Structure formats: structure tokens, C-alpha cells
């Protein structure tokens, strides 16, 4: 059995990647979910520990991919040919 604690809110109604919005499982940060099936690399079947029906939630891999494609505030694309960002820590 696999259990996870959610660290973000998720609403399948607003997710453009989910294959079937009606099959999605809405959750909030702090919720405990039991992962029922991890066969698909992008969508896991889960249910709330407190009870309720099972539904699809994004897999860890899908969330990591999604975050990798979202630019953060203040990020600037590297300038052509330099390979460095216009913003640097320090």
C-alpha cells in the first residue's frame, strides 16, 4: 500500500492534461491519499484515506514535467549564444 500527503491543491476541472475530467480526483494540500494503481506513468488512481471513490491524480513524474515547463516570475530566457541567464544569484 502506498500513501501520500498532498503538498499542493489539485482540481481536475481546471487541468488541460487530464484525459477525462470526470475521472479526476480533487484534493487539497494536506490531504492524505492512498495510491491504488501506478501502472500509468502520468496518471495514478487514488482515493482519499477518509473514504470516497477512487479517481485519477497526476503522477509525480507528470507534475515534475509540468513544473519544468512553467517559467517562474523573473526568469528571462538565455541570450542567444551565451548560454547564461540574464538573472544570476549572488
PDB file of N, CA and C in Angstrom:
ATOM      1  N   UNK A   1       0.842  -1.192   0.000  1.00  0.00           N
ATOM      2  CA  UNK A   1       0.000   0.000   0.000  1.00  0.00           C
ATOM      3  C   UNK A   1       0.878   1.244   0.000  1.00  0.00           C
ATOM      4  N   UNK A   2       0.487   2.207  -0.802  1.00  0.00           N
ATOM      5  CA  UNK A   2       1.222   3.463  -0.899  1.00  0.00           C
ATOM      6  C   UNK A   2       0.296   4.594  -0.472  1.00  0.00           C
ATOM      7  N   UNK A   3       0.790   5.431   0.453  1.00  0.00           N
ATOM      8  CA  UNK A   3       0.049   6.597   0.908  1.00  0.00           C
ATOM      9  C   UNK A   3       0.890   7.835   0.656  1.00  0.00           C
ATOM     10  N   UNK A   4       0.232   8.939   0.278  1.00  0.00           N
ATOM     11  CA  UNK A   4       0.946  10.197   0.054  1.00  0.00           C
ATOM     12  C   UNK A   4       0.205  11.337   0.739  1.00  0.00           C
ATOM     13  N   UNK A   5       0.976  12.326   1.179  1.00  0.00           N
ATOM     14  CA  UNK A   5       0.407  13.557   1.706  1.00  0.00           C
ATOM     15  C   UNK A   5       0.547  14.609   0.616  1.00  0.00           C
ATOM     16  N   UNK A   6      -0.544  15.238   0.259  1.00  0.00           N
ATOM     17  CA  UNK A   6      -0.550  16.211  -0.835  1.00  0.00           C
ATOM     18  C   UNK A   6       0.111  17.511  -0.395  1.00  0.00           C
ATOM     19  N   UNK A   7       0.950  18.054  -1.263  1.00  0.00           N
ATOM     20  CA  UNK A   7       1.638  19.310  -0.980  1.00  0.00           C
ATOM     21  C   UNK A   7       1.156  20.446  -1.875  1.00  0.00           C
ATOM     22  N   UNK A   8       0.086  20.205  -2.623  1.00  0.00           N
ATOM     23  CA  UNK A   8      -0.495  21.244  -3.473  1.00  0.00           C
ATOM     24  C   UNK A   8      -1.969  20.924  -3.685  1.00  0.00           C
ATOM     25  N   UNK A   9      -2.720  21.931  -4.110  1.00  0.00           N
ATOM     26  CA  UNK A   9      -4.127  21.743  -4.430  1.00  0.00           C
ATOM     27  C   UNK A   9      -4.237  21.257  -5.876  1.00  0.00           C
ATOM     28  N   UNK A  10      -5.223  20.420  -6.136  1.00  0.00           N
ATOM     29  CA  UNK A  10      -5.435  19.928  -7.498  1.00  0.00           C
ATOM     30  C   UNK A  10      -6.925  19.847  -7.791  1.00  0.00           C
ATOM     31  N   UNK A  11      -7.324  20.433  -8.921  1.00  0.00           N
ATOM     32  CA  UNK A  11      -8.709  20.383  -9.365  1.00  0.00           C
ATOM     33  C   UNK A  11      -8.725  19.893 -10.810  1.00  0.00           C
ATOM     34  N   UNK A  12      -9.216  18.688 -11.055  1.00  0.00           N
ATOM     35  CA  UNK A  12      -9.211  18.156 -12.415  1.00  0.00           C
ATOM     36  C   UNK A  12     -10.029  18.994 -13.397  1.00  0.00           C
ATOM     37  N   UNK A  13     -10.994  19.756 -12.898  1.00  0.00           N
ATOM     38  CA  UNK A  13     -11.824  20.580 -13.775  1.00  0.00           C
ATOM     39  C   UNK A  13     -11.009  21.660 -14.479  1.00  0.00           C
ATOM     40  N   UNK A  14      -9.871  22.038 -13.895  1.00  0.00           N
ATOM     41  CA  UNK A  14      -9.047  23.089 -14.490  1.00  0.00           C
ATOM     42  C   UNK A  14      -7.771  22.541 -15.134  1.00  0.00           C
ATOM     43  N   UNK A  15      -7.627  21.223 -15.189  1.00  0.00           N
ATOM     44  CA  UNK A  15      -6.420  20.600 -15.735  1.00  0.00           C
ATOM     45  C   UNK A  15      -6.614  20.278 -17.216  1.00  0.00           C
ATOM     46  N   UNK A  16      -5.809  20.891 -18.069  1.00  0.00           N
ATOM     47  CA  UNK A  16      -5.929  20.662 -19.515  1.00  0.00           C
ATOM     48  C   UNK A  16      -5.281  19.350 -19.956  1.00  0.00           C
ATOM     49  N   UNK A  17      -4.514  18.702 -19.090  1.00  0.00           N
ATOM     50  CA  UNK A  17      -3.808  17.479 -19.473  1.00  0.00           C
ATOM     51  C   UNK A  17      -4.555  16.193 -19.125  1.00  0.00           C
ATOM     52  N   UNK A  18      -5.504  16.269 -18.206  1.00  0.00           N
ATOM     53  CA  UNK A  18      -6.178  15.041 -17.767  1.00  0.00           C
ATOM     54  C   UNK A  18      -7.026  14.475 -18.913  1.00  0.00           C
ATOM     55  N   UNK A  19      -6.955  13.168 -19.146  1.00  0.00           N
ATOM     56  CA  UNK A  19      -7.689  12.585 -20.273  1.00  0.00           C
ATOM     57  C   UNK A  19      -9.211  12.615 -20.105  1.00  0.00           C
ATOM     58  N   UNK A  20      -9.699  12.621 -18.872  1.00  0.00           N
ATOM     59  CA  UNK A  20     -11.141  12.653 -18.617  1.00  0.00           C
ATOM     60  C   UNK A  20     -11.375  13.403 -17.305  1.00  0.00           C
ATOM     61  N   UNK A  21     -11.857  14.643 -17.399  1.00  0.00           N
ATOM     62  CA  UNK A  21     -12.028  15.479 -16.202  1.00  0.00           C
ATOM     63  C   UNK A  21     -12.947  14.821 -15.169  1.00  0.00           C
ATOM     64  N   UNK A  22     -13.964  14.102 -15.647  1.00  0.00           N
ATOM     65  CA  UNK A  22     -14.919  13.462 -14.738  1.00  0.00           C
ATOM     66  C   UNK A  22     -14.269  12.347 -13.919  1.00  0.00           C
ATOM     67  N   UNK A  23     -13.174  11.792 -14.413  1.00  0.00           N
ATOM     68  CA  UNK A  23     -12.494  10.702 -13.707  1.00  0.00           C
ATOM     69  C   UNK A  23     -11.462  11.217 -12.710  1.00  0.00           C
ATOM     70  N   UNK A  24     -11.222  12.525 -12.693  1.00  0.00           N
ATOM     71  CA  UNK A  24     -10.208  13.100 -11.821  1.00  0.00           C
ATOM     72  C   UNK A  24     -10.644  13.164 -10.369  1.00  0.00           C
ATOM     73  N   UNK A  25      -9.662  13.187  -9.487  1.00  0.00           N
ATOM     74  CA  UNK A  25      -9.902  13.270  -8.046  1.00  0.00           C
ATOM     75  C   UNK A  25      -9.365  14.602  -7.532  1.00  0.00           C
ATOM     76  N   UNK A  26     -10.259  15.445  -7.046  1.00  0.00           N
ATOM     77  CA  UNK A  26      -9.857  16.745  -6.496  1.00  0.00           C
ATOM     78  C   UNK A  26      -9.265  16.536  -5.106  1.00  0.00           C
ATOM     79  N   UNK A  27      -8.173  17.269  -4.805  1.00  0.00           N
ATOM     80  CA  UNK A  27      -7.597  17.206  -3.466  1.00  0.00           C
ATOM     81  C   UNK A  27      -6.983  18.546  -3.102  1.00  0.00           C
ATOM     82  N   UNK A  28      -6.727  18.707  -1.811  1.00  0.00           N
ATOM     83  CA  UNK A  28      -6.155  19.943  -1.280  1.00  0.00           C
ATOM     84  C   UNK A  28      -4.842  19.619  -0.573  1.00  0.00           C
ATOM     85  N   UNK A  29      -3.976  20.618  -0.465  1.00  0.00           N
ATOM     86  CA  UNK A  29      -2.720  20.439   0.264  1.00  0.00           C
ATOM     87  C   UNK A  29      -3.040  19.948   1.674  1.00  0.00           C
ATOM     88  N   UNK A  30      -2.326  18.933   2.117  1.00  0.00           N
ATOM     89  CA  UNK A  30      -2.548  18.354   3.435  1.00  0.00           C
ATOM     90  C   UNK A  30      -3.403  17.103   3.424  1.00  0.00           C
ATOM     91  N   UNK A  31      -4.147  16.871   2.332  1.00  0.00           N
ATOM     92  CA  UNK A  31      -4.961  15.657   2.232  1.00  0.00           C
ATOM     93  C   UNK A  31      -4.067  14.423   2.180  1.00  0.00           C
ATOM     94  N   UNK A  32      -4.574  13.318   2.694  1.00  0.00           N
ATOM     95  CA  UNK A  32      -3.880  12.034   2.608  1.00  0.00           C
ATOM     96  C   UNK A  32      -4.586  11.174   1.566  1.00  0.00           C
ATOM     97  N   UNK A  33      -3.806  10.667   0.614  1.00  0.00           N
ATOM     98  CA  UNK A  33      -4.357   9.819  -0.433  1.00  0.00           C
ATOM     99  C   UNK A  33      -3.712   8.441  -0.388  1.00  0.00           C
ATOM    100  N   UNK A  34      -4.493   7.438  -0.717  1.00  0.00           N
ATOM    101  CA  UNK A  34      -3.947   6.102  -0.930  1.00  0.00           C
ATOM    102  C   UNK A  34      -3.845   5.905  -2.436  1.00  0.00           C
ATOM    103  N   UNK A  35      -2.645   5.581  -2.909  1.00  0.00           N
ATOM    104  CA  UNK A  35      -2.442   5.321  -4.328  1.00  0.00           C
ATOM    105  C   UNK A  35      -2.829   3.868  -4.582  1.00  0.00           C
ATOM    106  N   UNK A  36      -3.827   3.681  -5.425  1.00  0.00           N
ATOM    107  CA  UNK A  36      -4.380   2.358  -5.683  1.00  0.00           C
ATOM    108  C   UNK A  36      -3.691   1.690  -6.870  1.00  0.00           C
ATOM    109  N   UNK A  37      -3.319   2.490  -7.876  1.00  0.00           N
ATOM    110  CA  UNK A  37      -2.729   1.932  -9.088  1.00  0.00           C
ATOM    111  C   UNK A  37      -1.747   2.932  -9.684  1.00  0.00           C
ATOM    112  N   UNK A  38      -0.515   2.477  -9.966  1.00  0.00           N
ATOM    113  CA  UNK A  38       0.525   3.327 -10.551  1.00  0.00           C
ATOM    114  C   UNK A  38       0.984   2.807 -11.912  1.00  0.00           C
ATOM    115  N   UNK A  39       0.167   2.017 -12.581  1.00  0.00           N
ATOM    116  CA  UNK A  39       0.574   1.408 -13.848  1.00  0.00           C
ATOM    117  C   UNK A  39       0.845   2.436 -14.945  1.00  0.00           C
ATOM    118  N   UNK A  40       0.088   3.526 -14.969  1.00  0.00           N
ATOM    119  CA  UNK A  40       0.285   4.565 -15.981  1.00  0.00           C
ATOM    120  C   UNK A  40       1.365   5.527 -15.495  1.00  0.00           C
ATOM    121  N   UNK A  41       2.325   5.896 -16.349  1.00  0.00           N
ATOM    122  CA  UNK A  41       3.402   6.789 -15.900  1.00  0.00           C
ATOM    123  C   UNK A  41       2.943   8.216 -15.603  1.00  0.00           C
ATOM    124  N   UNK A  42       1.799   8.637 -16.156  1.00  0.00           N
ATOM    125  CA  UNK A  42       1.340  10.015 -15.976  1.00  0.00           C
ATOM    126  C   UNK A  42       0.155  10.172 -15.032  1.00  0.00           C
ATOM    127  N   UNK A  43      -0.692   9.166 -14.942  1.00  0.00           N
ATOM    128  CA  UNK A  43      -1.910   9.280 -14.137  1.00  0.00           C
ATOM    129  C   UNK A  43      -2.047   8.085 -13.207  1.00  0.00           C
ATOM    130  N   UNK A  44      -2.131   8.360 -11.919  1.00  0.00           N
ATOM    131  CA  UNK A  44      -2.307   7.319 -10.917  1.00  0.00           C
ATOM    132  C   UNK A  44      -3.752   7.300 -10.466  1.00  0.00           C
ATOM    133  N   UNK A  45      -4.214   6.148 -10.037  1.00  0.00           N
ATOM    134  CA  UNK A  45      -5.538   6.020  -9.449  1.00  0.00           C
ATOM    135  C   UNK A  45      -5.373   6.104  -7.942  1.00  0.00           C
ATOM    136  N   UNK A  46      -6.154   6.967  -7.320  1.00  0.00           N
ATOM    137  CA  UNK A  46      -6.023   7.193  -5.878  1.00  0.00           C
ATOM    138  C   UNK A  46      -7.394   7.419  -5.259  1.00  0.00           C
ATOM    139  N   UNK A  47      -7.435   7.327  -3.930  1.00  0.00           N
ATOM    140  CA  UNK A  47      -8.647   7.675  -3.195  1.00  0.00           C
ATOM    141  C   UNK A  47      -8.244   8.349  -1.888  1.00  0.00           C
ATOM    142  N   UNK A  48      -9.138   9.175  -1.380  1.00  0.00           N
ATOM    143  CA  UNK A  48      -8.891   9.837  -0.099  1.00  0.00           C
ATOM    144  C   UNK A  48      -8.882   8.785   1.003  1.00  0.00           C
ATOM    145  N   UNK A  49      -7.956   8.911   1.947  1.00  0.00           N
ATOM    146  CA  UNK A  49      -7.860   7.961   3.055  1.00  0.00           C
ATOM    147  C   UNK A  49      -9.150   7.971   3.870  1.00  0.00           C
ATOM    148  N   UNK A  50      -9.787   9.139   3.991  1.00  0.00           N
ATOM    149  CA  UNK A  50     -11.019   9.252   4.780  1.00  0.00           C
ATOM    150  C   UNK A  50     -12.180   8.530   4.124  1.00  0.00           C
ATOM    151  N   UNK A  51     -12.017   8.091   2.897  1.00  0.00           N
ATOM    152  CA  UNK A  51     -13.094   7.406   2.193  1.00  0.00           C
ATOM    153  C   UNK A  51     -13.467   8.140   0.920  1.00  0.00           C
ATOM    154  N   UNK A  52     -14.335   7.539   0.184  1.00  0.00           N
ATOM    155  CA  UNK A  52     -14.754   8.134  -1.074  1.00  0.00           C
ATOM    156  C   UNK A  52     -14.304   7.296  -2.248  1.00  0.00           C
ATOM    157  N   UNK A  53     -14.777   7.672  -3.412  1.00  0.00           N
ATOM    158  CA  UNK A  53     -14.458   6.896  -4.605  1.00  0.00           C
ATOM    159  C   UNK A  53     -13.061   7.214  -5.116  1.00  0.00           C
ATOM    160  N   UNK A  54     -12.529   6.311  -5.904  1.00  0.00           N
ATOM    161  CA  UNK A  54     -11.204   6.496  -6.486  1.00  0.00           C
ATOM    162  C   UNK A  54     -11.299   7.389  -7.717  1.00  0.00           C
ATOM    163  N   UNK A  55     -10.182   8.012  -8.048  1.00  0.00           N
ATOM    164  CA  UNK A  55     -10.124   8.862  -9.228  1.00  0.00           C
ATOM    165  C   UNK A  55      -8.691   9.038  -9.676  1.00  0.00           C
ATOM    166  N   UNK A  56      -8.508   9.714 -10.790  1.00  0.00           N
ATOM    167  CA  UNK A  56      -7.175   9.942 -11.337  1.00  0.00           C
ATOM    168  C   UNK A  56      -6.518  11.167 -10.722  1.00  0.00           C
ATOM    169  N   UNK A  57      -5.234  11.026 -10.421  1.00  0.00           N
ATOM    170  CA  UNK A  57      -4.413  12.145  -9.946  1.00  0.00           C
ATOM    171  C   UNK A  57      -3.130  12.150 -10.776  1.00  0.00           C
ATOM    172  N   UNK A  58      -2.526  13.323 -10.965  1.00  0.00           N
ATOM    173  CA  UNK A  58      -1.279  13.358 -11.730  1.00  0.00           C
ATOM    174  C   UNK A  58      -0.169  12.629 -10.981  1.00  0.00           C
ATOM    175  N   UNK A  59       0.635  11.874 -11.712  1.00  0.00           N
ATOM    176  CA  UNK A  59       1.761  11.172 -11.097  1.00  0.00           C
ATOM    177  C   UNK A  59       2.852  12.167 -10.734  1.00  0.00           C
ATOM    178  N   UNK A  60       3.789  11.722  -9.925  1.00  0.00           N
ATOM    179  CA  UNK A  60       4.919  12.575  -9.556  1.00  0.00           C
ATOM    180  C   UNK A  60       5.703  12.976 -10.804  1.00  0.00           C
ATOM    181  N   UNK A  61       5.886  12.051 -11.726  1.00  0.00           N
ATOM    182  CA  UNK A  61       6.611  12.336 -12.965  1.00  0.00           C
ATOM    183  C   UNK A  61       5.907  13.419 -13.776  1.00  0.00           C
ATOM    184  N   UNK A  62       4.585  13.326 -13.901  1.00  0.00           N
ATOM    185  CA  UNK A  62       3.834  14.328 -14.660  1.00  0.00           C
ATOM    186  C   UNK A  62       3.949  15.697 -14.011  1.00  0.00           C
ATOM    187  N   UNK A  63       3.844  15.763 -12.689  1.00  0.00           N
ATOM    188  CA  UNK A  63       3.959  17.053 -12.004  1.00  0.00           C
ATOM    189  C   UNK A  63       5.353  17.648 -12.166  1.00  0.00           C
ATOM    190  N   UNK A  64       6.388  16.810 -12.130  1.00  0.00           N
ATOM    191  CA  UNK A  64       7.750  17.311 -12.329  1.00  0.00           C
ATOM    192  C   UNK A  64       7.919  17.847 -13.747  1.00  0.00           C
ATOM    193  N   UNK A  65       7.361  17.147 -14.734  1.00  0.00           N
ATOM    194  CA  UNK A  65       7.415  17.625 -16.120  1.00  0.00           C
ATOM    195  C   UNK A  65       6.663  18.940 -16.260  1.00  0.00           C
ATOM    196  N   UNK A  66       5.483  19.015 -15.630  1.00  0.00           N
ATOM    197  CA  UNK A  66       4.657  20.215 -15.731  1.00  0.00           C
ATOM    198  C   UNK A  66       5.393  21.422 -15.144  1.00  0.00           C
ATOM    199  N   UNK A  67       6.025  21.243 -13.992  1.00  0.00           N
ATOM    200  CA  UNK A  67       6.753  22.342 -13.354  1.00  0.00           C
ATOM    201  C   UNK A  67       7.982  22.748 -14.164  1.00  0.00           C
ATOM    202  N   UNK A  68       8.600  21.807 -14.859  1.00  0.00           N
ATOM    203  CA  UNK A  68       9.784  22.109 -15.662  1.00  0.00           C
ATOM    204  C   UNK A  68       9.448  23.010 -16.845  1.00  0.00           C
ATOM    205  N   UNK A  69       8.204  22.981 -17.306  1.00  0.00           N
ATOM    206  CA  UNK A  69       7.807  23.781 -18.461  1.00  0.00           C
ATOM    207  C   UNK A  69       7.181  25.109 -18.083  1.00  0.00           C
ATOM    208  N   UNK A  70       7.008  25.387 -16.801  1.00  0.00           N
ATOM    209  CA  UNK A  70       6.412  26.642 -16.347  1.00  0.00           C
ATOM    210  C   UNK A  70       7.522  27.593 -15.945  1.00  0.00           C
ATOM    211  N   UNK A  71       7.565  28.765 -16.585  1.00  0.00           N
ATOM    212  CA  UNK A  71       8.580  29.751 -16.219  1.00  0.00           C
ATOM    213  C   UNK A  71       8.182  30.430 -14.918  1.00  0.00           C
ATOM    214  N   UNK A  72       9.152  30.645 -14.069  1.00  0.00           N
ATOM    215  CA  UNK A  72       8.901  31.336 -12.805  1.00  0.00           C
ATOM    216  C   UNK A  72       8.963  32.838 -13.040  1.00  0.00           C
ATOM    217  N   UNK A  73       8.319  33.598 -12.184  1.00  0.00           N
ATOM    218  CA  UNK A  73       8.366  35.055 -12.283  1.00  0.00           C
ATOM    219  C   UNK A  73       9.810  35.522 -12.235  1.00  0.00           C
ATOM    220  N   UNK A  74      10.169  36.429 -13.104  1.00  0.00           N
ATOM    221  CA  UNK A  74      11.511  36.997 -13.093  1.00  0.00           C
ATOM    222  C   UNK A  74      12.506  36.250 -13.943  1.00  0.00           C
ATOM    223  N   UNK A  75      12.119  35.099 -14.489  1.00  0.00           N
ATOM    224  CA  UNK A  75      13.050  34.355 -15.337  1.00  0.00           C
ATOM    225  C   UNK A  75      13.105  34.983 -16.716  1.00  0.00           C
ATOM    226  N   UNK A  76      14.287  34.995 -17.261  1.00  0.00           N
ATOM    227  CA  UNK A  76      14.486  35.506 -18.607  1.00  0.00           C
ATOM    228  C   UNK A  76      15.184  34.412 -19.397  1.00  0.00           C
ATOM    229  N   UNK A  77      14.753  34.206 -20.628  1.00  0.00           N
ATOM    230  CA  UNK A  77      15.392  33.187 -21.459  1.00  0.00           C
ATOM    231  C   UNK A  77      16.845  33.571 -21.704  1.00  0.00           C
ATOM    232  N   UNK A  78      17.721  32.593 -21.809  1.00  0.00           N
ATOM    233  CA  UNK A  78      19.138  32.901 -22.071  1.00  0.00           C
ATOM    234  C   UNK A  78      19.296  33.684 -23.365  1.00  0.00           C
ATOM    235  N   UNK A  79      20.272  34.580 -23.377  1.00  0.00           N
ATOM    236  CA  UNK A  79      20.520  35.349 -24.589  1.00  0.00           C
ATOM    237  C   UNK A  79      21.194  34.458 -25.605  1.00  0.00           C
ATOM    238  N   UNK A  80      20.976  34.734 -26.856  1.00  0.00           N
ATOM    239  CA  UNK A  80      21.476  33.884 -27.934  1.00  0.00           C
ATOM    240  C   UNK A  80      22.990  33.753 -27.891  1.00  0.00           C
ATOM    241  N   UNK A  81      23.457  32.516 -27.896  1.00  0.00           N
ATOM    242  CA  UNK A  81      24.881  32.248 -27.995  1.00  0.00           C
ATOM    243  C   UNK A  81      25.646  32.229 -26.688  1.00  0.00           C
ATOM    244  N   UNK A  82      25.117  32.823 -25.609  1.00  0.00           N
ATOM    245  CA  UNK A  82      25.885  32.869 -24.368  1.00  0.00           C
ATOM    246  C   UNK A  82      25.615  31.668 -23.479  1.00  0.00           C
ATOM    247  N   UNK A  83      24.386  31.148 -23.519  1.00  0.00           N
ATOM    248  CA  UNK A  83      24.049  30.007 -22.684  1.00  0.00           C
ATOM    249  C   UNK A  83      23.892  30.354 -21.219  1.00  0.00           C
ATOM    250  N   UNK A  84      23.858  31.640 -20.866  1.00  0.00           N
ATOM    251  CA  UNK A  84      23.667  32.037 -19.473  1.00  0.00           C
ATOM    252  C   UNK A  84      22.411  32.871 -19.355  1.00  0.00           C
ATOM    253  N   UNK A  85      21.813  32.843 -18.183  1.00  0.00           N
ATOM    254  CA  UNK A  85      20.614  33.620 -17.931  1.00  0.00           C
ATOM    255  C   UNK A  85      20.971  35.059 -17.606  1.00  0.00           C
ATOM    256  N   UNK A  86      20.041  35.944 -17.878  1.00  0.00           N
ATOM    257  CA  UNK A  86      20.260  37.351 -17.555  1.00  0.00           C
ATOM    258  C   UNK A  86      20.202  37.582 -16.052  1.00  0.00           C
ATOM    259  N   UNK A  87      19.590  36.650 -15.305  1.00  0.00           N
ATOM    260  CA  UNK A  87      19.488  36.753 -13.850  1.00  0.00           C
ATOM    261  C   UNK A  87      20.388  35.704 -13.234  1.00  0.00           C
ATOM    262  N   UNK A  88      21.226  36.107 -12.304  1.00  0.00           N
ATOM    263  CA  UNK A  88      22.081  35.154 -11.610  1.00  0.00           C
ATOM    264  C   UNK A  88      22.025  35.421 -10.119  1.00  0.00           C
ATOM    265  N   UNK A  89      22.109  34.363  -9.346  1.00  0.00           N
ATOM    266  CA  UNK A  89      22.116  34.525  -7.893  1.00  0.00           C
ATOM    267  C   UNK A  89      23.439  35.073  -7.421  1.00  0.00           C
ATOM    268  N   UNK A  90      23.421  35.638  -6.205  1.00  0.00           N
ATOM    269  CA  UNK A  90      24.701  36.073  -5.696  1.00  0.00           C
ATOM    270  C   UNK A  90      24.572  37.311  -4.960  1.00  0.00           C
TER     271      UNK A  90
END
